Amino acid sequence: MTRTLIALLTLAAIWSPQNSVSTQDVLRMARARDARLEQALRDTFTPDNIQKGTAALGERGDFVWAVAAEKGPSLQINNEPPIAAFKAGSLWVVQTRLNTGTAYKYTWIVDGKPIGGANNLPAFGPDSYAQTGVPQGKLTGPIEVPSKIYPGVKANVWFYVPAQWDGATPLAVQVWGDGQQFTGPRPGPWRVLETLDNLTAQKRIPLMVSIFVQAGTGPERSQRSIEYDRVDDAYLHRLLDEIFPVVARDVKMRTDAYSRAIQGLSSGAIMAFNAAFRKPEEFSRVLSWIGSYTALQRSADHPEGGAEYPTMVRREAKRNIRVWLQDGSGDLDNTAGNWTTANIGMANALKFKGYDYRFSFGVGEHSNAHGAAELPEALTWLWRDYDPAKTSQEFLQDPAEKDQPVWRVLQLNRK
């Protein structure tokens, strides 16, 4: 799983420009078929990006792609009919608009053959961009937090409070697994801080402290998987007993589960679900991206590890939690299991048991692009009808969901 995390962290670089030319200028030139477009593209992307078909950029639904090829190529986005490219000097270019709030895979078709693989491209909507007049919250960290629960292990922690906070009122809590991804300079590749600012200003989420937690480093090479993928309470106690007290030195936090949410991606997603499912009195809201509900960490109590969760959800008593699941049809398949079918199994188990859940299923690979692009919608759904005057609420499945069929695979990727 270490290699998987590295892949996640580098996905942004697949399509991130060098910023020699502004994104707006490149898009404007592409729309106008400007004679300066080729040079702008070469100033923006590396030769490797252009040669391998991974040169792409976009903003608020407008996108442009570039590739070097001898013959006129076309660009396939998701499973839609390919779009013919136009010539810009010695490069080939496609410019089009996409719906925002989701992610797309794209592949160049050159001489009838695909190049560049299935790249994951987030299409961010307006709530993912910094907006005029919206105050920015304050980020504190990194703070190194050692562990007694995992001897010899330490982890970096950041916390983010909204600008509107009065410094005295206890805040709701949102925990973010693999939090180091979301705390870099603005604009971040996944635009989490921008999203938090905008939704807070629009009162679509409550005033809350976001706690960004990096997986621990220590004597075990696979510490992240040990913390995140094991079906036990150890990491939950790490959060509650070792990390929360550090944040509580500076921030007053609510302690009711109704006011606590937890997010994670990949192994972090099962960590988030594990926390709420095992301790619903501590966390009641789960945001799960590309979850590894598979047998990555086995034990005597759980010989198939997280792969047991769909069955446990069906057989055990319903917990009072709300869950947003996201996955893609191109997710991982390896010795631990198949991520796509595992997430479909989780969605059907939650539906079967009557949970308040949403399943956002796309075409992406093992990438957080889709989850980040739809984050404004997901956070709004997760915190909908939150009332700071309450400390509890019974989470009920949407009546309309009860009439929907179970999730099925209708079309295979082979004849």
Protein backbone atom coordinates (compact mmCIF):
# COMPACT_ATOMS: atom_id res chain seq x y z
CA MET A 1 0.00 0.00 0.00
CA THR A 2 2.98 2.34 0.30
CA ARG A 3 3.25 2.36 -3.49
CA THR A 4 -0.48 3.03 -3.75
CA LEU A 5 -0.21 6.12 -1.53
CA ILE A 6 2.72 7.40 -3.58
CA ALA A 7 0.60 7.04 -6.71
CA LEU A 8 -2.19 9.02 -5.09
CA LEU A 9 0.15 11.79 -4.05
CA THR A 10 1.61 12.13 -7.55
CA LEU A 11 -1.62 12.05 -9.55
CA ALA A 12 -1.88 15.83 -9.37
CA ALA A 13 1.42 16.08 -11.22
CA ILE A 14 -0.02 14.18 -14.18
CA TRP A 15 -1.88 17.23 -15.36
CA SER A 16 -0.61 20.12 -13.23
CA PRO A 17 0.95 22.83 -15.41
CA GLN A 18 4.30 24.49 -14.80
CA ASN A 19 2.42 27.79 -14.41
CA SER A 20 4.56 29.67 -16.94
CA VAL A 21 1.33 30.83 -18.55
CA SER A 22 -1.95 31.27 -16.68
CA THR A 23 -4.62 28.62 -17.10
CA GLN A 24 -7.08 31.29 -18.21
CA ASP A 25 -4.72 32.49 -20.96
CA VAL A 26 -4.15 28.96 -22.30
CA LEU A 27 -7.88 28.26 -22.34
CA ARG A 28 -8.57 31.57 -24.07
CA MET A 29 -5.96 30.85 -26.74
CA ALA A 30 -7.36 27.35 -27.31
CA ARG A 31 -10.91 28.65 -27.76
CA ALA A 32 -9.69 31.30 -30.23
CA ARG A 33 -7.25 28.94 -32.03
CA ASP A 34 -4.65 31.60 -31.29
CA ALA A 35 -1.35 31.32 -33.16
CA ARG A 36 0.49 31.59 -29.84
CA LEU A 37 -1.19 28.46 -28.45
CA GLU A 38 1.62 26.01 -29.23
CA GLN A 39 4.23 28.08 -27.43
CA ALA A 40 1.89 28.63 -24.49
CA LEU A 41 1.37 24.89 -24.20
CA ARG A 42 5.09 24.18 -24.41
CA ASP A 43 5.71 26.83 -21.73
CA THR A 44 3.02 25.26 -19.57
CA PHE A 45 3.75 21.53 -19.80
CA THR A 46 6.88 19.42 -19.73
CA PRO A 47 7.95 17.70 -22.96
CA ASP A 48 7.31 14.39 -21.19
CA ASN A 49 3.68 15.34 -20.45
CA ILE A 50 3.11 16.32 -24.06
CA GLN A 51 4.78 13.23 -25.48
CA LYS A 52 2.97 10.78 -23.20
CA GLY A 53 -0.47 12.34 -23.61
CA THR A 54 -0.81 13.51 -20.00
CA ALA A 55 -0.81 17.27 -20.69
CA ALA A 56 -4.16 18.65 -19.59
CA LEU A 57 -5.46 21.60 -17.62
CA GLY A 58 -8.78 23.15 -16.86
CA GLU A 59 -10.75 25.55 -14.74
CA ARG A 60 -14.45 25.74 -13.87
CA GLY A 61 -15.42 23.23 -16.55
CA ASP A 62 -13.21 24.50 -19.40
CA PHE A 63 -10.41 22.09 -20.38
CA VAL A 64 -7.62 21.77 -22.90
CA TRP A 65 -5.42 18.76 -23.78
CA ALA A 66 -2.28 18.59 -25.90
CA VAL A 67 -0.22 15.77 -27.40
CA ALA A 68 2.61 15.31 -29.88
CA ALA A 69 1.77 12.87 -32.69
CA GLU A 70 2.54 12.41 -36.38
CA LYS A 71 -1.05 11.64 -37.38
CA GLY A 72 -4.19 13.44 -36.31
CA PRO A 73 -5.30 11.91 -32.99
CA SER A 74 -8.59 11.99 -31.13
CA LEU A 75 -9.32 12.19 -27.42
CA GLN A 76 -11.71 9.83 -25.66
CA ILE A 77 -13.23 11.11 -22.41
CA ASN A 78 -14.82 8.42 -20.26
CA ASN A 79 -16.60 6.12 -22.68
CA GLU A 80 -17.90 8.85 -24.97
CA PRO A 81 -17.16 9.01 -28.71
CA PRO A 82 -13.63 10.36 -29.35
CA ILE A 83 -13.18 14.07 -30.10
CA ALA A 84 -11.02 14.96 -33.11
CA ALA A 85 -8.03 17.16 -32.29
CA PHE A 86 -7.06 20.36 -34.10
CA LYS A 87 -3.51 21.36 -35.04
CA ALA A 88 -1.63 23.99 -33.06
CA GLY A 89 1.76 24.27 -34.70
CA SER A 90 3.36 20.84 -34.28
CA LEU A 91 0.98 19.82 -31.48
CA TRP A 92 -2.52 18.40 -31.47
CA VAL A 93 -5.10 19.96 -29.16
CA VAL A 94 -8.62 19.31 -27.90
CA GLN A 95 -10.61 22.02 -26.10
CA THR A 96 -14.06 21.40 -24.63
CA ARG A 97 -16.30 21.92 -21.63
CA LEU A 98 -17.13 19.28 -19.01
CA ASN A 99 -19.69 19.14 -16.25
CA THR A 100 -18.11 20.04 -12.93
CA GLY A 101 -18.29 18.32 -9.58
CA THR A 102 -16.94 14.99 -10.79
CA ALA A 103 -13.84 13.48 -12.44
CA TYR A 104 -13.08 12.07 -15.86
CA LYS A 105 -10.73 9.57 -17.42
CA TYR A 106 -9.21 10.46 -20.78
CA THR A 107 -7.09 8.64 -23.32
CA TRP A 108 -5.58 9.82 -26.58
CA ILE A 109 -6.21 7.59 -29.61
CA VAL A 110 -3.34 7.81 -32.10
CA ASP A 111 -3.47 5.75 -35.27
CA GLY A 112 -6.18 3.61 -33.70
CA LYS A 113 -4.17 2.86 -30.57
CA PRO A 114 -4.60 4.36 -27.08
CA ILE A 115 -1.69 6.21 -25.48
CA GLY A 116 -1.32 7.82 -22.10
CA GLY A 117 -3.45 5.41 -20.10
CA ALA A 118 -6.68 6.35 -18.32
CA ASN A 119 -5.82 9.61 -16.58
CA ASN A 120 -8.01 10.91 -13.77
CA LEU A 121 -8.96 14.54 -14.20
CA PRO A 122 -11.00 16.42 -11.55
CA ALA A 123 -13.47 18.99 -12.86
CA PHE A 124 -13.86 21.41 -9.97
CA GLY A 125 -16.93 23.59 -9.66
CA PRO A 126 -17.12 27.16 -8.30
CA ASP A 127 -17.28 26.09 -4.65
CA SER A 128 -13.80 24.57 -4.97
CA TYR A 129 -12.15 27.89 -5.87
CA ALA A 130 -11.29 30.82 -3.63
CA GLN A 131 -14.07 33.40 -3.93
CA THR A 132 -13.96 37.13 -3.49
CA GLY A 133 -15.15 38.24 -0.07
CA VAL A 134 -15.00 34.78 1.50
CA PRO A 135 -12.69 34.80 4.53
CA GLN A 136 -10.03 32.14 4.80
CA GLY A 137 -9.69 29.99 7.89
CA LYS A 138 -6.48 29.53 9.86
CA LEU A 139 -4.26 26.48 9.44
CA THR A 140 -1.97 25.46 12.31
CA GLY A 141 0.73 22.81 12.01
CA PRO A 142 2.42 20.54 11.41
CA ILE A 143 2.51 19.36 15.00
CA GLU A 144 4.40 16.14 15.61
CA VAL A 145 2.43 13.81 17.87
CA PRO A 146 4.21 10.72 19.27
CA SER A 147 2.26 7.58 20.13
CA LYS A 148 2.16 5.17 23.05
CA ILE A 149 -0.53 3.09 21.36
CA TYR A 150 1.93 2.43 18.52
CA PRO A 151 5.30 2.52 20.32
CA GLY A 152 8.00 4.37 18.41
CA VAL A 153 5.51 5.90 15.97
CA LYS A 154 4.91 9.59 15.40
CA ALA A 155 2.70 11.54 13.02
CA ASN A 156 2.19 15.11 11.85
CA VAL A 157 -1.13 16.81 12.60
CA TRP A 158 -2.63 20.09 11.37
CA PHE A 159 -5.88 21.77 12.36
CA TYR A 160 -7.96 24.36 10.49
CA VAL A 161 -10.51 26.65 12.10
CA PRO A 162 -12.96 28.90 10.23
CA ALA A 163 -12.48 32.65 10.21
CA GLN A 164 -16.01 33.03 11.65
CA TRP A 165 -15.17 31.19 14.88
CA ASP A 166 -15.39 33.32 18.03
CA GLY A 167 -12.67 31.34 19.79
CA ALA A 168 -15.01 30.22 22.57
CA THR A 169 -17.91 28.21 21.14
CA PRO A 170 -17.10 24.47 20.91
CA LEU A 171 -16.72 23.49 17.26
CA ALA A 172 -17.98 20.47 15.38
CA VAL A 173 -15.17 18.17 14.25
CA GLN A 174 -14.13 16.83 10.85
CA VAL A 175 -11.16 14.42 10.77
CA TRP A 176 -9.20 13.94 7.51
CA GLY A 177 -7.10 10.82 6.96
CA ASP A 178 -3.87 11.24 4.96
CA GLY A 179 -4.30 14.87 5.89
CA GLN A 180 -0.91 16.02 4.63
CA GLN A 181 -2.36 15.99 1.11
CA PHE A 182 -4.75 18.81 1.89
CA THR A 183 -2.59 21.30 3.80
CA GLY A 184 -0.12 22.59 1.22
CA PRO A 185 0.05 26.03 -0.41
CA ARG A 186 -3.12 27.38 -2.02
CA PRO A 187 -4.57 26.56 -4.42
CA GLY A 188 -4.08 22.97 -3.36
CA PRO A 189 -4.46 20.23 -5.98
CA TRP A 190 -7.59 18.93 -4.19
CA ARG A 191 -8.91 22.36 -3.01
CA VAL A 192 -10.10 21.13 0.37
CA LEU A 193 -9.35 24.37 2.25
CA GLU A 194 -11.07 26.45 -0.43
CA THR A 195 -14.11 24.20 -0.22
CA LEU A 196 -14.26 24.48 3.56
CA ASP A 197 -14.10 28.28 3.38
CA ASN A 198 -16.87 28.54 0.79
CA LEU A 199 -19.27 26.06 2.39
CA THR A 200 -18.77 27.65 5.80
CA ALA A 201 -19.53 31.11 4.42
CA GLN A 202 -22.63 29.74 2.69
CA LYS A 203 -23.65 27.97 5.94
CA ARG A 204 -23.85 24.64 4.14
CA ILE A 205 -21.60 23.11 6.78
CA PRO A 206 -21.38 24.09 10.46
CA LEU A 207 -18.52 25.93 12.07
CA MET A 208 -16.08 23.10 12.61
CA VAL A 209 -12.43 22.33 13.16
CA SER A 210 -10.84 20.19 10.48
CA ILE A 211 -8.13 17.93 11.88
CA PHE A 212 -5.68 16.72 9.21
CA VAL A 213 -3.77 13.63 10.33
CA GLN A 214 -0.85 12.07 8.51
CA ALA A 215 -0.38 8.33 8.83
CA GLY A 216 2.32 7.48 11.33
CA THR A 217 5.97 6.77 10.62
CA GLY A 218 7.91 4.35 12.74
CA PRO A 219 9.63 1.00 12.94
CA GLU A 220 7.08 -0.78 10.74
CA ARG A 221 7.45 -0.05 7.03
CA SER A 222 3.72 -0.60 6.47
CA GLN A 223 2.59 1.54 9.39
CA ARG A 224 -0.13 3.26 7.35
CA SER A 225 -1.84 -0.02 6.55
CA ILE A 226 -1.43 -1.20 10.15
CA GLU A 227 -3.17 1.92 11.40
CA TYR A 228 -5.84 2.17 8.73
CA ASP A 229 -6.70 -1.33 7.48
CA ARG A 230 -6.93 -3.33 10.69
CA VAL A 231 -10.44 -4.04 11.92
CA ASP A 232 -9.89 -3.07 15.56
CA ASP A 233 -10.03 -0.04 17.88
CA ALA A 234 -6.31 0.81 18.07
CA TYR A 235 -6.27 3.71 15.60
CA LEU A 236 -9.54 5.04 16.96
CA HIS A 237 -7.87 5.34 20.38
CA ARG A 238 -4.90 6.96 18.67
CA LEU A 239 -7.24 9.68 17.43
CA LEU A 240 -9.29 10.11 20.59
CA ASP A 241 -6.61 9.69 23.25
CA GLU A 242 -3.48 11.09 21.62
CA ILE A 243 -4.36 13.41 18.74
CA PHE A 244 -7.57 15.09 19.90
CA PRO A 245 -6.00 16.25 23.20
CA VAL A 246 -3.24 18.02 21.26
CA VAL A 247 -5.78 19.96 19.18
CA ALA A 248 -7.92 20.60 22.27
CA ARG A 249 -5.12 22.70 23.76
CA ASP A 250 -6.03 25.43 21.25
CA VAL A 251 -9.52 24.60 20.05
CA LYS A 252 -12.71 23.87 21.96
CA MET A 253 -14.32 20.85 20.32
CA ARG A 254 -17.69 19.18 20.65
CA THR A 255 -17.64 15.67 22.04
CA ASP A 256 -21.00 14.33 20.81
CA ALA A 257 -20.89 11.88 17.88
CA TYR A 258 -23.61 13.90 16.16
CA SER A 259 -21.02 16.67 15.72
CA ARG A 260 -18.13 14.49 14.55
CA ALA A 261 -17.32 13.35 11.00
CA ILE A 262 -14.36 11.44 9.64
CA GLN A 263 -12.96 11.16 6.11
CA GLY A 264 -10.44 8.90 4.45
CA LEU A 265 -9.25 7.69 1.07
CA SER A 266 -8.23 4.17 0.11
CA SER A 267 -7.02 2.54 3.33
CA GLY A 268 -7.99 5.77 5.08
CA ALA A 269 -11.57 5.25 3.95
CA ILE A 270 -11.89 1.93 5.73
CA MET A 271 -10.25 3.59 8.74
CA ALA A 272 -13.02 6.20 8.72
CA PHE A 273 -15.79 3.65 8.36
CA ASN A 274 -14.20 1.41 10.99
CA ALA A 275 -14.16 4.30 13.47
CA ALA A 276 -17.86 5.06 13.07
CA PHE A 277 -19.06 1.47 12.75
CA ARG A 278 -17.18 0.30 15.84
CA LYS A 279 -17.75 3.45 17.89
CA PRO A 280 -20.90 5.23 16.67
CA GLU A 281 -20.97 7.02 20.01
CA GLU A 282 -17.79 8.83 18.87
CA PHE A 283 -18.35 9.45 15.12
CA SER A 284 -21.62 9.52 13.18
CA ARG A 285 -20.65 10.85 9.72
CA VAL A 286 -18.32 9.07 7.27
CA LEU A 287 -16.82 10.27 4.00
CA SER A 288 -15.24 7.30 2.19
CA TRP A 289 -13.21 7.74 -1.03
CA ILE A 290 -12.04 4.66 -3.01
CA GLY A 291 -12.26 2.56 0.15
CA SER A 292 -10.09 -0.54 0.60
CA TYR A 293 -12.80 -2.85 1.94
CA THR A 294 -10.49 -5.74 1.19
CA ALA A 295 -8.23 -8.24 2.97
CA LEU A 296 -5.16 -6.03 3.38
CA GLN A 297 -4.76 -6.63 7.13
CA ARG A 298 -5.91 -9.99 8.49
CA SER A 299 -6.16 -11.06 12.10
CA ALA A 300 -7.39 -13.97 14.19
CA ASP A 301 -10.63 -12.11 14.90
CA HIS A 302 -11.06 -10.99 11.29
CA PRO A 303 -9.27 -13.46 8.99
CA GLU A 304 -10.41 -11.57 5.87
CA GLY A 305 -9.86 -8.11 7.34
CA GLY A 306 -11.88 -5.29 5.86
CA ALA A 307 -13.34 -7.60 3.22
CA GLU A 308 -15.69 -8.78 5.95
CA TYR A 309 -17.38 -5.39 6.26
CA PRO A 310 -20.19 -5.87 3.71
CA THR A 311 -21.27 -9.01 5.56
CA MET A 312 -20.85 -7.43 9.01
CA VAL A 313 -22.98 -4.47 7.97
CA ARG A 314 -25.75 -6.84 6.86
CA ARG A 315 -25.64 -9.13 9.89
CA GLU A 316 -24.92 -6.83 12.80
CA ALA A 317 -27.19 -4.26 14.40
CA LYS A 318 -27.61 -1.06 12.43
CA ARG A 319 -25.44 1.78 13.67
CA ASN A 320 -26.72 5.33 13.78
CA ILE A 321 -24.30 6.69 11.19
CA ARG A 322 -24.47 8.50 7.85
CA VAL A 323 -22.12 7.37 5.04
CA TRP A 324 -21.01 8.84 1.70
CA LEU A 325 -19.23 6.21 -0.43
CA GLN A 326 -17.28 7.02 -3.60
CA ASP A 327 -15.51 4.67 -5.97
CA GLY A 328 -14.73 4.14 -9.65
CA SER A 329 -15.10 1.25 -12.07
CA GLY A 330 -11.33 1.30 -12.72
CA ASP A 331 -10.30 0.84 -9.10
CA LEU A 332 -7.67 -1.68 -7.96
CA ASP A 333 -7.68 -5.44 -8.35
CA ASN A 334 -4.98 -7.42 -6.56
CA THR A 335 -4.36 -10.23 -4.08
CA ALA A 336 -6.28 -8.39 -1.35
CA GLY A 337 -9.43 -8.16 -3.45
CA ASN A 338 -11.26 -6.04 -5.99
CA TRP A 339 -11.91 -2.51 -4.74
CA THR A 340 -14.76 -1.81 -7.16
CA THR A 341 -16.84 -4.85 -6.28
CA ALA A 342 -16.03 -4.35 -2.59
CA ASN A 343 -17.45 -0.83 -2.67
CA ILE A 344 -20.53 -2.00 -4.58
CA GLY A 345 -20.93 -4.66 -1.89
CA MET A 346 -20.67 -2.00 0.80
CA ALA A 347 -23.28 0.16 -0.93
CA ASN A 348 -25.72 -2.74 -1.20
CA ALA A 349 -25.12 -3.74 2.42
CA LEU A 350 -25.83 -0.21 3.63
CA LYS A 351 -28.97 -0.08 1.48
CA PHE A 352 -30.12 -3.50 2.69
CA LYS A 353 -29.76 -2.50 6.33
CA GLY A 354 -31.50 0.85 5.95
CA TYR A 355 -28.54 3.17 6.44
CA ASP A 356 -28.60 6.83 5.47
CA TYR A 357 -26.03 6.55 2.67
CA ARG A 358 -25.03 7.86 -0.77
CA PHE A 359 -22.99 5.94 -3.31
CA SER A 360 -21.18 8.05 -5.89
CA PHE A 361 -19.88 5.67 -8.54
CA GLY A 362 -17.80 6.83 -11.49
CA VAL A 363 -15.33 5.57 -14.06
CA GLY A 364 -12.10 6.53 -12.31
CA GLU A 365 -9.13 4.53 -11.15
CA HIS A 366 -7.57 4.50 -7.67
CA SER A 367 -7.47 8.29 -7.45
CA ASN A 368 -8.88 10.94 -5.14
CA ALA A 369 -9.74 13.17 -8.14
CA HIS A 370 -13.43 12.21 -8.14
CA GLY A 371 -13.83 12.57 -4.37
CA ALA A 372 -12.14 15.96 -4.32
CA ALA A 373 -14.16 17.31 -7.25
CA GLU A 374 -17.47 16.38 -5.63
CA LEU A 375 -16.38 17.44 -2.13
CA PRO A 376 -18.75 20.45 -1.93
CA GLU A 377 -21.72 18.19 -2.66
CA ALA A 378 -20.49 15.43 -0.35
CA LEU A 379 -19.84 17.68 2.65
CA THR A 380 -23.17 19.44 2.15
CA TRP A 381 -24.94 16.08 2.12
CA LEU A 382 -22.97 14.74 5.07
CA TRP A 383 -23.75 17.74 7.29
CA ARG A 384 -27.23 18.50 5.97
CA ASP A 385 -29.84 19.43 8.61
CA TYR A 386 -27.14 19.78 11.28
CA ASP A 387 -28.44 21.74 14.27
CA PRO A 388 -25.82 22.94 16.80
CA ALA A 389 -28.53 22.98 19.45
CA LYS A 390 -28.78 19.18 19.22
CA THR A 391 -26.45 16.42 20.36
CA SER A 392 -28.18 13.54 18.58
CA GLN A 393 -30.33 12.64 15.59
CA GLU A 394 -31.64 9.40 14.19
CA PHE A 395 -30.22 8.97 10.71
CA LEU A 396 -32.85 7.42 8.43
CA GLN A 397 -32.54 6.20 4.88
CA ASP A 398 -34.12 8.48 2.31
CA PRO A 399 -37.55 6.98 1.50
CA ALA A 400 -36.78 7.42 -2.22
CA GLU A 401 -33.72 5.17 -1.83
CA LYS A 402 -35.88 2.32 -0.57
CA ASP A 403 -37.62 2.18 -3.95
CA GLN A 404 -34.35 2.05 -5.89
CA PRO A 405 -32.94 -1.30 -7.09
CA VAL A 406 -29.76 -2.71 -5.60
CA TRP A 407 -26.50 -1.76 -7.31
CA ARG A 408 -25.61 -4.04 -10.23
CA VAL A 409 -22.97 -4.28 -12.95
CA LEU A 410 -24.97 -3.97 -16.16
CA GLN A 411 -22.19 -3.97 -18.75
CA LEU A 412 -18.82 -5.68 -18.67
CA ASN A 413 -15.64 -4.30 -20.19
CA ARG A 414 -15.36 -7.25 -22.58
CA LYS A 415 -17.54 -8.92 -25.17
